[in-house]
Structures are given as structure tokens and as C-alpha cells.
N, C-alpha and C. Protein backbone atom coordinates (compact mmCIF):
# COMPACT_ATOMS: atom_id res chain seq x y z
N MET A 1 115.54 164.36 79.70
CA MET A 1 114.66 163.80 78.47
C MET A 1 115.68 162.87 77.69
N GLY A 2 114.96 161.86 77.06
CA GLY A 2 115.73 160.82 76.25
C GLY A 2 115.89 161.40 74.82
N LYS A 3 116.93 160.77 74.18
CA LYS A 3 117.21 161.15 72.89
C LYS A 3 116.66 159.92 71.99
N LEU A 4 115.91 160.28 70.92
CA LEU A 4 115.48 159.31 70.03
C LEU A 4 116.50 159.03 68.87
N VAL A 5 117.02 157.90 68.73
CA VAL A 5 118.16 157.48 67.87
C VAL A 5 117.63 156.37 67.07
N SER A 6 117.63 156.45 65.66
CA SER A 6 117.26 155.45 64.73
C SER A 6 118.59 155.02 63.92
N THR A 7 118.58 153.56 63.84
CA THR A 7 119.65 153.01 63.10
C THR A 7 119.11 152.10 61.99
N LEU A 8 119.50 152.39 60.87
CA LEU A 8 118.85 151.82 59.68
C LEU A 8 119.81 151.45 58.60
N PHE A 9 119.48 150.10 58.01
CA PHE A 9 120.23 149.69 56.86
C PHE A 9 119.60 149.95 55.49
N VAL A 10 120.26 150.76 54.68
CA VAL A 10 119.52 150.98 53.32
C VAL A 10 120.54 150.57 52.20
N THR A 11 120.09 150.30 50.98
CA THR A 11 120.66 150.01 49.77
C THR A 11 120.92 151.41 49.19
N LEU A 12 121.68 151.44 48.24
CA LEU A 12 122.02 152.55 47.41
C LEU A 12 120.72 153.48 46.88
N ASP A 13 119.76 152.50 46.50
CA ASP A 13 118.45 153.08 46.03
C ASP A 13 117.49 153.25 47.13
N GLY A 14 117.95 153.13 48.38
CA GLY A 14 117.06 153.60 49.44
C GLY A 14 116.12 152.52 49.99
N VAL A 15 116.35 151.15 49.71
CA VAL A 15 115.55 150.12 50.14
C VAL A 15 116.00 149.72 51.48
N TYR A 16 114.95 149.56 52.43
CA TYR A 16 115.41 149.02 53.77
C TYR A 16 114.88 147.61 54.09
N GLN A 17 114.00 147.17 53.28
CA GLN A 17 113.27 145.91 53.37
C GLN A 17 114.27 144.72 53.47
N ALA A 18 113.99 143.82 54.42
CA ALA A 18 114.57 142.39 54.58
C ALA A 18 116.07 142.43 54.45
N PRO A 19 116.89 143.27 55.33
CA PRO A 19 118.25 143.10 55.10
C PRO A 19 118.88 141.93 55.60
N GLY A 20 118.23 141.21 56.66
CA GLY A 20 118.82 140.15 57.31
C GLY A 20 118.59 138.72 56.77
N GLY A 21 117.73 138.51 55.79
CA GLY A 21 117.41 137.02 55.42
C GLY A 21 116.26 137.07 54.36
N PRO A 22 116.44 136.00 53.54
CA PRO A 22 115.29 135.79 52.38
C PRO A 22 114.09 135.73 52.86
N GLN A 23 113.69 135.26 54.17
CA GLN A 23 112.16 135.18 54.52
C GLN A 23 111.86 136.29 55.61
N GLU A 24 112.74 137.20 55.81
CA GLU A 24 112.51 138.05 56.86
C GLU A 24 111.33 139.00 56.55
N ASP A 25 111.15 139.48 55.21
CA ASP A 25 109.99 140.36 54.82
C ASP A 25 109.86 140.12 53.37
N THR A 26 108.87 139.49 53.01
CA THR A 26 108.58 139.18 51.63
C THR A 26 107.33 139.92 51.18
N ARG A 27 106.87 140.97 51.87
CA ARG A 27 105.61 141.81 51.43
C ARG A 27 105.93 142.30 50.14
N GLY A 28 104.85 142.13 49.35
CA GLY A 28 105.04 142.82 47.99
C GLY A 28 105.70 141.94 46.99
N GLY A 29 105.86 140.54 47.40
CA GLY A 29 106.73 139.56 46.62
C GLY A 29 108.20 139.76 46.44
N PHE A 30 108.69 140.59 47.53
CA PHE A 30 110.06 140.87 47.73
C PHE A 30 110.94 139.67 47.58
N GLU A 31 111.91 139.65 46.78
CA GLU A 31 112.65 138.48 46.52
C GLU A 31 114.26 138.62 46.76
N HIS A 32 114.63 139.72 47.52
CA HIS A 32 116.00 140.01 47.51
C HIS A 32 116.40 140.21 49.07
N GLY A 33 115.59 139.52 49.93
CA GLY A 33 115.96 139.44 51.33
C GLY A 33 117.37 138.87 51.57
N GLY A 34 117.98 139.47 52.59
CA GLY A 34 119.33 139.19 52.92
C GLY A 34 120.45 139.85 52.25
N TRP A 35 120.10 140.89 51.78
CA TRP A 35 121.13 141.66 50.93
C TRP A 35 122.30 142.30 51.59
N SER A 36 122.06 142.29 53.07
CA SER A 36 123.30 143.04 53.67
C SER A 36 124.22 141.82 54.19
N PHE A 37 123.91 140.64 54.10
CA PHE A 37 124.63 139.57 54.86
C PHE A 37 126.23 139.45 54.26
N THR A 38 126.50 139.70 52.96
CA THR A 38 127.74 139.36 52.61
C THR A 38 128.65 140.79 52.95
N TYR A 39 128.12 141.75 53.34
CA TYR A 39 128.90 142.95 53.73
C TYR A 39 129.21 143.06 55.16
N ALA A 40 128.84 142.08 55.92
CA ALA A 40 129.19 142.13 57.50
C ALA A 40 130.60 141.79 57.54
N ASP A 41 131.33 142.59 58.33
CA ASP A 41 132.69 142.58 58.79
C ASP A 41 133.01 142.94 60.00
N ASP A 42 134.17 143.08 60.60
CA ASP A 42 134.58 143.45 61.97
C ASP A 42 134.11 144.82 62.00
N ASP A 43 134.35 145.69 61.08
CA ASP A 43 133.99 147.12 61.28
C ASP A 43 132.63 147.34 61.57
N PHE A 44 131.73 146.50 60.74
CA PHE A 44 130.32 146.77 60.81
C PHE A 44 129.96 146.12 62.20
N GLY A 45 130.42 145.09 62.81
CA GLY A 45 130.14 144.52 63.97
C GLY A 45 130.58 145.49 65.14
N GLN A 46 131.64 146.21 65.07
CA GLN A 46 132.14 147.23 66.05
C GLN A 46 131.19 148.28 66.07
N PHE A 47 130.65 148.82 64.95
CA PHE A 47 129.86 149.86 65.03
C PHE A 47 128.45 149.48 65.76
N MET A 48 127.93 148.35 65.42
CA MET A 48 126.75 147.97 65.87
C MET A 48 126.89 147.72 67.47
N ASN A 49 128.05 147.04 67.74
CA ASN A 49 128.29 146.91 69.33
C ASN A 49 128.38 148.33 70.03
N GLU A 50 128.92 149.19 69.27
CA GLU A 50 129.00 150.59 70.01
C GLU A 50 127.48 151.17 70.15
N VAL A 51 126.68 150.91 69.20
CA VAL A 51 125.27 151.29 69.13
C VAL A 51 124.55 150.77 70.48
N PHE A 52 124.71 149.45 70.48
CA PHE A 52 124.13 148.68 71.55
C PHE A 52 124.61 148.73 72.96
N GLN A 53 125.67 149.74 73.10
CA GLN A 53 126.18 149.93 74.49
C GLN A 53 125.30 151.09 75.08
N ARG A 54 124.48 151.81 74.29
CA ARG A 54 123.94 153.12 74.72
C ARG A 54 122.34 152.93 74.89
N PRO A 55 121.59 151.95 74.63
CA PRO A 55 120.12 152.16 74.82
C PRO A 55 119.78 152.08 76.10
N ALA A 56 118.63 152.80 76.45
CA ALA A 56 117.84 152.96 77.67
C ALA A 56 116.38 152.11 77.43
N ALA A 57 116.04 152.08 76.24
CA ALA A 57 114.79 151.53 75.83
C ALA A 57 114.86 151.41 74.30
N PHE A 58 113.81 150.47 73.83
CA PHE A 58 113.82 150.30 72.34
C PHE A 58 112.28 150.76 71.97
N LEU A 59 112.18 151.40 70.82
CA LEU A 59 110.96 151.60 70.09
C LEU A 59 110.93 150.95 68.79
N LEU A 60 110.05 150.19 68.57
CA LEU A 60 110.08 149.17 67.39
C LEU A 60 108.70 149.24 66.56
N GLY A 61 108.72 149.25 65.20
CA GLY A 61 107.69 149.16 64.42
C GLY A 61 107.27 147.79 64.53
N ARG A 62 105.89 147.32 64.29
CA ARG A 62 105.29 146.12 64.53
C ARG A 62 106.01 145.01 63.68
N HIS A 63 106.36 145.29 62.43
CA HIS A 63 106.81 144.23 61.75
C HIS A 63 108.17 144.04 62.20
N THR A 64 109.13 145.01 62.41
CA THR A 64 110.51 144.69 63.07
C THR A 64 110.33 144.03 64.51
N TYR A 65 109.32 144.45 65.17
CA TYR A 65 109.10 143.72 66.56
C TYR A 65 108.78 142.28 66.33
N ASP A 66 108.01 141.91 65.52
CA ASP A 66 107.72 140.57 65.20
C ASP A 66 109.01 139.77 64.78
N ILE A 67 109.70 140.31 63.89
CA ILE A 67 111.09 139.63 63.49
C ILE A 67 112.00 139.48 64.77
N PHE A 68 112.00 140.49 65.40
CA PHE A 68 113.06 140.64 66.56
C PHE A 68 112.48 139.59 67.69
N ALA A 69 111.15 139.55 67.92
CA ALA A 69 110.60 138.75 69.00
C ALA A 69 110.63 137.31 68.67
N SER A 70 110.63 136.93 67.37
CA SER A 70 110.85 135.57 66.95
C SER A 70 112.24 134.98 67.15
N TYR A 71 113.33 135.79 67.28
CA TYR A 71 114.74 135.42 67.31
C TYR A 71 115.29 135.77 68.63
N TRP A 72 115.36 136.94 68.98
CA TRP A 72 116.27 137.39 69.99
C TRP A 72 116.00 136.71 71.38
N PRO A 73 114.86 136.47 71.95
CA PRO A 73 114.64 135.82 73.16
C PRO A 73 115.25 134.51 73.28
N LYS A 74 115.50 133.94 72.17
CA LYS A 74 116.23 132.54 72.08
C LYS A 74 117.52 132.71 72.34
N VAL A 75 118.29 133.88 72.23
CA VAL A 75 119.51 134.12 72.43
C VAL A 75 119.86 134.40 73.80
N THR A 76 120.36 133.57 74.54
CA THR A 76 120.41 133.76 76.10
C THR A 76 121.67 133.84 76.64
N ASP A 77 122.68 134.09 75.82
CA ASP A 77 124.14 134.25 76.06
C ASP A 77 124.30 135.52 76.83
N PRO A 78 124.32 135.80 78.10
CA PRO A 78 124.52 137.16 78.56
C PRO A 78 125.67 138.03 78.25
N ALA A 79 126.71 137.39 77.41
CA ALA A 79 127.68 138.17 76.96
C ALA A 79 127.33 138.70 75.47
N ASP A 80 126.31 138.25 74.78
CA ASP A 80 125.92 138.75 73.66
C ASP A 80 125.48 140.25 73.86
N PRO A 81 126.22 141.12 73.06
CA PRO A 81 125.85 142.55 73.32
C PRO A 81 124.63 143.11 72.78
N VAL A 82 124.08 142.37 71.80
CA VAL A 82 122.85 142.88 71.30
C VAL A 82 121.56 142.02 72.19
N ALA A 83 121.64 140.75 72.16
CA ALA A 83 120.53 140.00 72.84
C ALA A 83 120.42 140.52 74.48
N SER A 84 121.52 140.84 74.95
CA SER A 84 121.47 141.17 76.33
C SER A 84 120.77 142.34 76.62
N LYS A 85 120.82 143.40 75.76
CA LYS A 85 119.95 144.65 75.88
C LYS A 85 118.55 144.38 75.35
N LEU A 86 118.40 143.93 74.09
CA LEU A 86 117.17 143.76 73.68
C LEU A 86 116.15 142.87 74.57
N ASN A 87 116.77 141.92 75.12
CA ASN A 87 115.88 140.99 76.25
C ASN A 87 115.53 141.80 77.63
N ALA A 88 116.54 142.48 77.95
CA ALA A 88 116.42 143.07 79.39
C ALA A 88 115.80 144.54 79.44
N LEU A 89 116.05 145.26 78.45
CA LEU A 89 115.50 146.60 78.46
C LEU A 89 114.08 146.76 78.02
N PRO A 90 113.40 147.81 78.45
CA PRO A 90 112.01 148.13 77.98
C PRO A 90 111.85 148.12 76.44
N LYS A 91 110.81 147.56 75.81
CA LYS A 91 110.50 147.65 74.44
C LYS A 91 109.10 148.23 74.19
N TYR A 92 108.95 149.09 73.37
CA TYR A 92 107.77 149.81 73.00
C TYR A 92 107.31 149.53 71.64
N VAL A 93 106.01 149.31 71.31
CA VAL A 93 105.61 149.07 70.02
C VAL A 93 104.23 149.73 69.83
N PRO A 94 104.36 150.65 68.74
CA PRO A 94 103.11 151.29 68.41
C PRO A 94 102.29 150.41 67.45
N SER A 95 101.04 149.96 67.85
CA SER A 95 100.28 149.01 67.17
C SER A 95 98.79 148.98 67.75
N ALA A 96 98.02 148.92 66.76
CA ALA A 96 96.62 148.87 67.14
C ALA A 96 95.99 147.31 67.10
N THR A 97 96.91 146.45 66.75
CA THR A 97 96.51 145.05 66.68
C THR A 97 97.34 144.17 67.72
N LEU A 98 98.50 144.52 68.12
CA LEU A 98 99.16 143.55 69.07
C LEU A 98 98.50 144.05 70.46
N THR A 99 98.07 142.85 71.00
CA THR A 99 97.39 143.03 72.39
C THR A 99 98.07 142.27 73.37
N ASP A 100 98.66 141.25 73.17
CA ASP A 100 99.26 140.37 74.30
C ASP A 100 100.62 140.06 73.93
N PRO A 101 101.52 140.90 73.80
CA PRO A 101 102.95 140.59 73.42
C PRO A 101 103.73 139.42 74.42
N GLU A 102 104.29 138.47 73.97
CA GLU A 102 104.74 137.41 74.69
C GLU A 102 106.33 137.76 75.04
N TRP A 103 107.02 138.85 74.59
CA TRP A 103 108.27 139.09 74.79
C TRP A 103 108.41 140.01 75.95
N ALA A 104 108.91 139.59 76.90
CA ALA A 104 109.00 140.12 78.38
C ALA A 104 109.47 141.69 78.12
N GLY A 105 108.90 142.58 78.83
CA GLY A 105 109.33 143.97 78.81
C GLY A 105 108.70 144.63 77.79
N THR A 106 107.82 144.09 77.13
CA THR A 106 107.09 144.93 75.83
C THR A 106 105.73 145.61 76.37
N THR A 107 105.69 146.91 75.88
CA THR A 107 104.52 147.83 76.27
C THR A 107 103.92 148.14 74.74
N VAL A 108 102.67 148.12 74.52
CA VAL A 108 102.08 148.36 73.35
C VAL A 108 101.75 149.95 73.50
N LEU A 109 101.99 150.63 72.54
CA LEU A 109 101.52 152.00 72.45
C LEU A 109 100.34 152.14 71.45
N SER A 110 99.17 152.44 71.84
CA SER A 110 98.00 152.38 71.13
C SER A 110 97.33 153.69 70.72
N GLY A 111 97.73 154.61 71.30
CA GLY A 111 97.18 156.19 71.14
C GLY A 111 97.93 156.87 70.11
N ASP A 112 97.82 158.15 70.11
CA ASP A 112 98.36 159.07 69.20
C ASP A 112 99.92 158.95 69.14
N LEU A 113 100.58 158.57 68.16
CA LEU A 113 101.88 158.21 67.94
C LEU A 113 102.74 159.52 68.44
N GLY A 114 102.36 160.78 68.09
CA GLY A 114 103.11 161.74 68.49
C GLY A 114 103.21 162.08 69.87
N LYS A 115 101.96 162.04 70.56
CA LYS A 115 101.83 162.10 71.92
C LYS A 115 102.46 161.15 72.67
N GLU A 116 102.41 159.78 72.23
CA GLU A 116 102.88 158.58 72.93
C GLU A 116 104.39 158.78 72.98
N VAL A 117 105.04 159.08 71.93
CA VAL A 117 106.40 158.89 71.84
C VAL A 117 107.09 160.20 72.38
N THR A 118 106.47 161.40 72.37
CA THR A 118 106.82 162.57 72.99
C THR A 118 106.92 162.15 74.46
N ALA A 119 105.92 161.72 75.04
CA ALA A 119 105.85 161.19 76.51
C ALA A 119 106.80 160.26 76.89
N LEU A 120 107.18 159.33 75.95
CA LEU A 120 108.13 158.32 76.13
C LEU A 120 109.58 159.06 76.24
N LYS A 121 109.89 159.73 75.37
CA LYS A 121 111.09 160.38 75.50
C LYS A 121 111.29 161.26 76.71
N GLU A 122 110.19 161.93 77.06
CA GLU A 122 110.39 162.76 78.22
C GLU A 122 110.72 161.88 79.46
N ARG A 123 110.14 160.68 79.60
CA ARG A 123 110.39 159.87 80.78
C ARG A 123 111.59 158.73 80.59
N THR A 124 112.41 158.93 79.44
CA THR A 124 113.38 157.98 79.29
C THR A 124 114.79 158.82 79.62
N ASP A 125 115.66 158.12 80.29
CA ASP A 125 116.94 158.71 80.55
C ASP A 125 117.93 158.00 79.78
N GLY A 126 118.24 158.53 78.62
CA GLY A 126 119.30 157.96 77.85
C GLY A 126 118.71 157.75 76.41
N GLU A 127 119.32 156.96 75.60
CA GLU A 127 118.74 156.56 74.19
C GLU A 127 117.46 155.72 74.11
N LEU A 128 116.56 156.39 73.48
CA LEU A 128 115.45 155.50 73.15
C LEU A 128 115.74 155.11 71.46
N GLN A 129 116.05 153.87 71.18
CA GLN A 129 116.63 153.38 70.02
C GLN A 129 115.51 152.76 69.27
N VAL A 130 115.53 153.07 68.02
CA VAL A 130 114.61 152.56 66.95
C VAL A 130 115.59 151.70 65.87
N HIS A 131 115.48 150.42 65.67
CA HIS A 131 116.22 149.63 64.99
C HIS A 131 115.31 149.10 63.73
N GLY A 132 115.72 149.42 62.49
CA GLY A 132 114.99 149.02 61.26
C GLY A 132 113.62 149.81 61.35
N SER A 133 112.42 149.22 61.22
CA SER A 133 111.19 150.07 61.42
C SER A 133 111.15 151.14 60.53
N GLY A 134 111.34 150.95 59.12
CA GLY A 134 111.46 152.23 58.22
C GLY A 134 110.14 153.03 58.07
N ALA A 135 108.94 152.33 58.05
CA ALA A 135 107.68 153.14 58.21
C ALA A 135 107.41 154.00 59.26
N LEU A 136 107.79 153.36 60.51
CA LEU A 136 107.90 154.05 61.86
C LEU A 136 108.83 155.20 61.81
N VAL A 137 109.97 155.04 61.41
CA VAL A 137 110.96 155.95 61.35
C VAL A 137 110.56 157.33 60.35
N ARG A 138 109.90 156.83 59.20
CA ARG A 138 109.43 158.10 58.40
C ARG A 138 108.41 158.82 59.28
N SER A 139 107.51 158.15 59.76
CA SER A 139 106.48 158.90 60.62
C SER A 139 106.96 159.76 61.72
N LEU A 140 108.24 159.30 62.52
CA LEU A 140 108.67 159.98 63.47
C LEU A 140 109.57 161.15 62.92
N LEU A 141 110.12 160.89 61.69
CA LEU A 141 110.69 162.26 61.22
C LEU A 141 109.85 163.17 60.76
N ASP A 142 108.56 162.87 60.14
CA ASP A 142 107.56 163.83 59.73
C ASP A 142 107.20 164.64 60.90
N LEU A 143 107.15 163.96 62.24
CA LEU A 143 106.81 164.49 63.36
C LEU A 143 107.61 165.28 63.98
N GLY A 144 109.02 165.31 63.62
CA GLY A 144 110.11 166.05 64.22
C GLY A 144 110.56 165.43 65.46
N LEU A 145 110.54 164.02 65.60
CA LEU A 145 110.73 163.35 66.90
C LEU A 145 112.03 162.59 66.79
N VAL A 146 112.76 162.48 65.75
CA VAL A 146 113.97 161.91 65.72
C VAL A 146 115.23 162.92 65.94
N ASP A 147 115.96 162.40 66.78
CA ASP A 147 117.13 163.41 67.21
C ASP A 147 118.33 163.01 66.35
N THR A 148 118.53 161.74 66.28
CA THR A 148 119.83 161.09 65.47
C THR A 148 119.40 160.08 64.56
N LEU A 149 119.99 160.07 63.32
CA LEU A 149 119.89 159.04 62.46
C LEU A 149 121.15 158.49 62.19
N HIS A 150 121.44 157.11 62.50
CA HIS A 150 122.72 156.29 61.87
C HIS A 150 122.07 155.65 60.60
N LEU A 151 122.55 155.88 59.46
CA LEU A 151 122.32 155.55 58.09
C LEU A 151 123.36 154.68 57.61
N LEU A 152 123.15 153.29 57.60
CA LEU A 152 124.19 152.53 57.07
C LEU A 152 123.82 152.12 55.46
N THR A 153 124.57 152.73 54.71
CA THR A 153 124.27 152.46 53.17
C THR A 153 125.18 151.48 52.54
N PHE A 154 124.48 150.41 52.07
CA PHE A 154 125.28 149.27 51.52
C PHE A 154 125.34 149.27 50.08
N PRO A 155 126.59 148.91 49.42
CA PRO A 155 126.84 149.25 48.09
C PRO A 155 126.09 148.24 47.07
N VAL A 156 124.81 148.30 47.12
CA VAL A 156 124.05 147.28 46.21
C VAL A 156 122.71 148.12 45.81
N VAL A 157 122.32 147.84 44.65
CA VAL A 157 120.91 148.40 44.11
C VAL A 157 120.11 147.24 43.83
N LEU A 158 118.77 147.35 44.32
CA LEU A 158 117.88 146.21 44.21
C LEU A 158 116.69 146.49 43.30
N GLY A 159 116.45 147.84 43.08
CA GLY A 159 115.28 148.28 42.10
C GLY A 159 113.93 147.89 42.47
N ALA A 160 113.77 147.22 43.66
CA ALA A 160 112.41 146.98 44.28
C ALA A 160 112.50 146.91 45.82
N GLY A 161 111.48 147.04 46.43
CA GLY A 161 111.16 146.96 47.84
C GLY A 161 110.82 148.19 48.48
N HIS A 162 110.51 148.14 49.81
CA HIS A 162 110.09 149.45 50.52
C HIS A 162 111.24 150.34 50.67
N ARG A 163 111.12 151.63 50.45
CA ARG A 163 112.22 152.49 50.45
C ARG A 163 111.89 153.44 51.57
N LEU A 164 112.95 154.00 52.16
CA LEU A 164 112.83 154.67 53.50
C LEU A 164 112.33 156.18 53.18
N PHE A 165 112.67 156.96 52.19
CA PHE A 165 112.18 158.21 52.00
C PHE A 165 111.23 157.95 50.71
N THR A 166 110.21 158.52 50.67
CA THR A 166 109.14 158.37 49.61
C THR A 166 108.61 159.69 49.33
N GLU A 167 107.78 159.65 48.13
CA GLU A 167 107.19 160.97 47.88
C GLU A 167 106.20 161.37 48.91
N GLY A 168 106.37 162.92 49.35
CA GLY A 168 105.55 163.38 50.31
C GLY A 168 106.28 163.40 51.67
N ALA A 169 107.38 162.97 51.76
CA ALA A 169 108.15 162.99 53.11
C ALA A 169 108.33 164.52 53.54
N VAL A 170 108.19 164.90 54.75
CA VAL A 170 108.46 166.25 55.11
C VAL A 170 109.73 166.61 54.94
N PRO A 171 110.10 167.82 54.15
CA PRO A 171 111.48 168.25 54.11
C PRO A 171 112.13 168.44 55.40
N THR A 172 113.41 167.73 55.62
CA THR A 172 114.10 167.81 56.75
C THR A 172 115.45 168.01 56.48
N ALA A 173 116.24 168.84 57.24
CA ALA A 173 117.71 169.11 57.11
C ALA A 173 118.30 168.35 58.15
N PHE A 174 119.48 167.77 57.96
CA PHE A 174 120.39 167.26 58.87
C PHE A 174 121.88 167.78 59.09
N LYS A 175 122.45 167.54 60.22
CA LYS A 175 123.79 167.86 60.35
C LYS A 175 124.62 166.55 60.48
N LEU A 176 125.63 166.49 59.65
CA LEU A 176 126.47 165.26 59.72
C LEU A 176 127.37 165.44 60.93
N THR A 177 127.33 164.29 61.71
CA THR A 177 128.13 164.18 63.05
C THR A 177 129.24 163.08 63.05
N GLY A 178 129.02 162.29 61.99
CA GLY A 178 130.13 161.22 62.03
C GLY A 178 130.07 160.46 60.65
N ALA A 179 131.33 159.88 60.26
CA ALA A 179 131.22 159.03 59.11
C ALA A 179 132.35 158.19 59.05
N ARG A 180 132.16 156.85 58.55
CA ARG A 180 133.22 156.03 58.55
C ARG A 180 132.85 155.01 57.38
N THR A 181 133.68 154.21 56.96
CA THR A 181 133.39 153.28 55.86
C THR A 181 134.07 151.83 56.27
N THR A 182 133.32 150.85 56.22
CA THR A 182 133.68 149.30 56.53
C THR A 182 134.57 148.88 55.41
N SER A 183 135.35 147.85 55.72
CA SER A 183 136.22 147.31 54.73
C SER A 183 135.51 146.71 53.43
N THR A 184 134.24 146.36 53.57
CA THR A 184 133.38 145.89 52.64
C THR A 184 132.57 147.03 51.86
N GLY A 185 132.86 148.24 52.27
CA GLY A 185 132.33 149.43 51.55
C GLY A 185 130.86 149.88 51.99
N VAL A 186 130.52 149.41 53.24
CA VAL A 186 129.24 150.01 53.77
C VAL A 186 129.59 151.51 54.32
N ALA A 187 128.90 152.50 53.87
CA ALA A 187 129.06 153.86 54.44
C ALA A 187 128.26 154.12 55.46
N ILE A 188 128.78 154.39 56.72
CA ILE A 188 128.16 154.62 58.06
C ILE A 188 128.13 156.15 58.18
N HIS A 189 126.82 156.75 58.19
CA HIS A 189 126.80 158.19 58.43
C HIS A 189 125.93 158.44 59.65
N SER A 190 126.20 159.29 60.51
CA SER A 190 125.42 159.83 61.51
C SER A 190 124.99 161.22 61.39
N TYR A 191 123.74 161.45 61.61
CA TYR A 191 123.19 162.79 61.40
C TYR A 191 122.29 163.17 62.58
N ASP A 192 122.34 164.31 63.00
CA ASP A 192 121.47 165.05 63.83
C ASP A 192 120.44 165.82 63.10
N ALA A 193 119.23 165.50 63.35
CA ALA A 193 118.23 166.38 62.70
C ALA A 193 118.28 167.93 62.93
N ALA A 194 118.18 168.66 62.09
CA ALA A 194 118.55 170.21 62.11
C ALA A 194 117.36 170.84 61.48
N GLY A 195 116.10 170.62 61.86
CA GLY A 195 114.94 171.38 61.48
C GLY A 195 114.64 171.39 59.93
N ARG A 196 114.15 172.39 59.34
CA ARG A 196 113.81 172.34 57.91
C ARG A 196 114.98 172.86 57.03
N PRO A 197 114.93 172.48 55.77
CA PRO A 197 116.02 172.96 54.86
C PRO A 197 115.98 174.48 54.56
N GLU A 198 117.03 174.89 54.27
CA GLU A 198 117.19 176.31 53.91
C GLU A 198 117.47 176.33 52.40
N TYR A 199 117.03 177.39 51.67
CA TYR A 199 117.04 177.53 50.21
C TYR A 199 117.79 178.77 49.72
N GLY A 200 118.32 178.72 48.74
CA GLY A 200 118.84 179.85 48.00
C GLY A 200 119.14 179.62 46.52
N THR A 201 119.83 180.65 45.94
CA THR A 201 120.00 180.65 44.51
C THR A 201 121.45 180.80 44.10
N PHE A 202 122.03 180.08 43.23
CA PHE A 202 123.34 180.31 42.78
C PHE A 202 123.29 181.39 41.72
N GLU A 203 123.80 182.45 41.99
CA GLU A 203 123.65 183.67 41.11
C GLU A 203 124.91 183.44 39.99
N LEU A 204 124.46 183.75 38.72
CA LEU A 204 125.48 183.71 37.64
C LEU A 204 126.29 185.02 37.74
N PRO A 205 127.76 184.71 37.33
CA PRO A 205 128.37 185.94 37.57
C PRO A 205 128.08 187.12 36.34
N ASP A 206 128.25 188.33 36.63
CA ASP A 206 127.99 189.39 35.71
C ASP A 206 128.57 189.16 34.33
N GLY A 207 127.76 189.30 33.32
CA GLY A 207 128.20 189.11 31.92
C GLY A 207 128.18 187.76 31.52
N ALA A 208 127.62 186.79 32.40
CA ALA A 208 127.53 185.50 31.76
C ALA A 208 126.34 185.27 30.98
């Protein structure tokens, strides 16, 4: 059975929208696209190269899929560690509107998300990777289908944009499995999902 692994870029205030460029995602009049660009360095590149050494297939939200499909098929260098995997490996997109994808190797998932992704994990040997796709990741977390979350937190606050965790998210506990910081201050944390949170009370000392 495969392992569902999410890799997401977020700001300090939890925004995941349009990290890669000004025109990447302008929904809601978002004007801060490209906020991750100045923080890219060798440490960041090394981590992403490590991630792209492990996929067996990709699961992408519709919006992220459209962004990727407009760019990565044009990168034909077989030595490119990202393009070589994205272009060659199977890609799955949950969507009720995408009917004829042009990117080779794409399969549209149009049924029940939980059932479709569970079946996909069962027949995947290795990592089923989700990149970006914040709304999809939220749904998958609520369904208990995410095994590992790589959260790259960039030292910037935007005050606007789509946020990863919103009111109404299903309470979820995580176990930290790895942490590093890049030379530009990007905090990279890896978490394994660990069920639901546990709760307790800090007792005051006697006589307080």
C-alpha cells in the first residue's frame, strides 16, 4: 500500500496561495504571488530534489494541476529531477469538470474522493505525492488519508490569501519526524499524521 505524502509551502500566517509567481493564482484579487522566490537557495533545492527522488505517482488538485500542466511538459531535459518525474509518472486529478486532460499520464478522479484516493493508495507501490493543492490537502487530512506532511514555512506574513488550515478543520495530531532550516530562514518540518489530539489540564500546585 502506498503512502500519501503532501509537500506544501506556507507563509507564517498560513497562506499557501501563489508561491511561485505573480500570475500563478490571482483568485480573490490576490496581489502577493511569488512570495517564495527570494527565499530559494541550495538548501531549499536539495530538499525538493530529495522529495522528487521518491514519488511513484502524483495526486494534484485541479488548480495546481492546471499550473503544472502549463509549465512542466515544456521542460524536456531528462536530467531535470522535477520535470523527469512529473512528466513520466502517473498523475491523478480529482475533478468534476476536467474531461480531456492533455498532459500525458493523467487520470481524472470523478467519484467519491475518499473512496477514490483510498483505492489509489492501495494500488500504489511507494509515495503518492501531493504538491501544493491546499484545498485538496485539507480534504484529505479531514478524511484521515494523509500519512506525511512536509510543511515549508517561509518567513513572511501576507495578511491575505487562501490559508491551509481554516475554521472547521478536523482536529488532527502530528508527530514531528524531521526538521531543518535553510540559509534564508525557511523552516522545513516533516510530520506523520498521528490520529486525533489528546487533551489534559495543567493542575495548579497546592496552595496556589
